[in-house]
Protein backbone atom coordinates (compact mmCIF):
# COMPACT_ATOMS: atom_id res chain seq x y z
CA MET A 1 -38.73 3.15 20.84
CA LYS A 2 -35.62 2.70 18.74
CA ILE A 3 -32.22 2.08 20.28
CA ALA A 4 -30.36 4.72 18.24
CA GLU A 5 -33.11 7.33 18.36
CA PRO A 6 -33.14 10.21 17.14
CA LEU A 7 -30.89 8.93 14.31
CA VAL A 8 -32.77 7.98 11.15
CA GLN A 9 -30.13 7.61 8.43
CA PRO A 10 -28.82 4.06 8.05
CA ALA A 11 -25.16 5.14 7.85
CA ALA A 12 -25.48 7.22 11.02
CA ILE A 13 -27.13 4.32 12.85
CA MET A 14 -24.33 1.96 11.73
CA ARG A 15 -21.68 4.42 13.01
CA TRP A 16 -23.54 4.77 16.33
CA PHE A 17 -23.59 1.00 16.87
CA LYS A 18 -19.91 0.60 15.95
CA ARG A 19 -18.93 3.39 18.36
CA SER A 20 -21.12 1.81 21.05
CA GLY A 21 -19.16 -1.44 21.05
CA PHE A 22 -20.65 -3.49 18.20
CA PRO A 23 -17.68 -3.97 15.83
CA ASP A 24 -18.94 -6.97 13.84
CA LEU A 25 -22.09 -5.55 12.25
CA LYS A 26 -23.34 -6.46 8.84
CA PRO A 27 -25.75 -4.14 7.02
CA ARG A 28 -29.16 -5.29 5.90
CA PRO A 29 -30.09 -4.59 2.25
CA GLY A 30 -31.59 -1.24 3.28
CA GLY A 31 -28.38 -0.21 5.06
CA LEU A 32 -29.59 -0.63 8.65
CA PRO A 33 -27.52 -2.88 10.92
CA LEU A 34 -28.35 -6.55 11.21
CA ILE A 35 -28.01 -7.48 14.89
CA SER A 36 -29.16 -10.71 16.46
CA ARG A 37 -30.76 -10.58 19.88
CA SER A 38 -28.11 -12.89 21.35
CA TYR A 39 -25.26 -10.69 20.02
CA PHE A 40 -26.93 -7.55 21.40
CA ASP A 41 -27.40 -9.17 24.80
CA ALA A 42 -23.83 -10.49 24.85
CA VAL A 43 -22.33 -7.08 24.11
CA THR A 44 -24.54 -5.05 26.45
CA THR A 45 -24.42 -7.40 29.45
CA SER A 46 -20.87 -8.76 29.45
CA SER A 47 -17.30 -7.64 29.81
CA MET A 48 -16.99 -7.84 26.02
CA ARG A 49 -18.17 -4.22 25.90
CA VAL A 50 -15.25 -3.13 28.09
CA SER A 51 -12.63 -4.62 25.79
CA ILE A 52 -14.23 -3.25 22.63
CA GLY A 53 -15.52 0.13 23.76
CA SER A 54 -12.93 2.42 25.28
CA THR A 55 -9.43 1.96 26.58
CA ASP A 56 -10.48 2.84 30.14
CA ALA A 57 -12.26 0.13 32.07
CA PRO A 58 -15.51 1.30 33.72
CA GLN A 59 -14.29 0.33 37.18
CA ASN A 60 -11.41 2.81 36.77
CA ALA A 61 -13.67 5.67 35.73
CA GLN A 62 -14.29 8.21 38.47
CA PRO A 63 -16.35 11.38 38.42
CA ASN A 64 -14.53 14.69 38.43
CA VAL A 65 -15.90 16.00 41.72
CA ASP A 66 -13.81 19.17 41.70
CA ALA A 67 -15.10 20.21 38.27
CA PHE A 68 -18.68 19.47 39.32
CA ARG A 69 -18.34 21.55 42.47
CA ALA A 70 -16.70 24.38 40.54
CA LYS A 71 -19.58 24.51 38.10
CA TYR A 72 -22.60 23.76 40.29
CA GLY A 73 -21.74 23.78 43.94
CA LYS A 74 -19.92 25.56 46.66
CA PRO A 75 -16.15 25.69 46.34
CA LYS A 76 -14.23 22.96 48.09
CA LYS A 77 -13.08 23.99 51.56
CA LEU A 78 -9.35 23.98 52.08
CA GLU A 79 -8.04 21.82 54.89
CA THR A 80 -5.97 23.62 57.47
CA VAL A 81 -2.74 22.01 58.60
CA LYS A 82 -2.01 22.26 62.32
């Protein structure tokens, strides 16, 4: 199984890796990315991915429960104030 499956074009695979938090990739002669095992492990298992990936840290990310309930579940009950 390939990591960037179903992508098959070298340029698309390079873009996928760069968007996934691998900014320092060098292409092999065929155009596919050249990634060492240690670099892959460092990016996928450390906090390096947080600083490179998105601006929001994963610990700050929260699911949108209201949107989920609106689409799939029962509407949220309103609390009554006494």
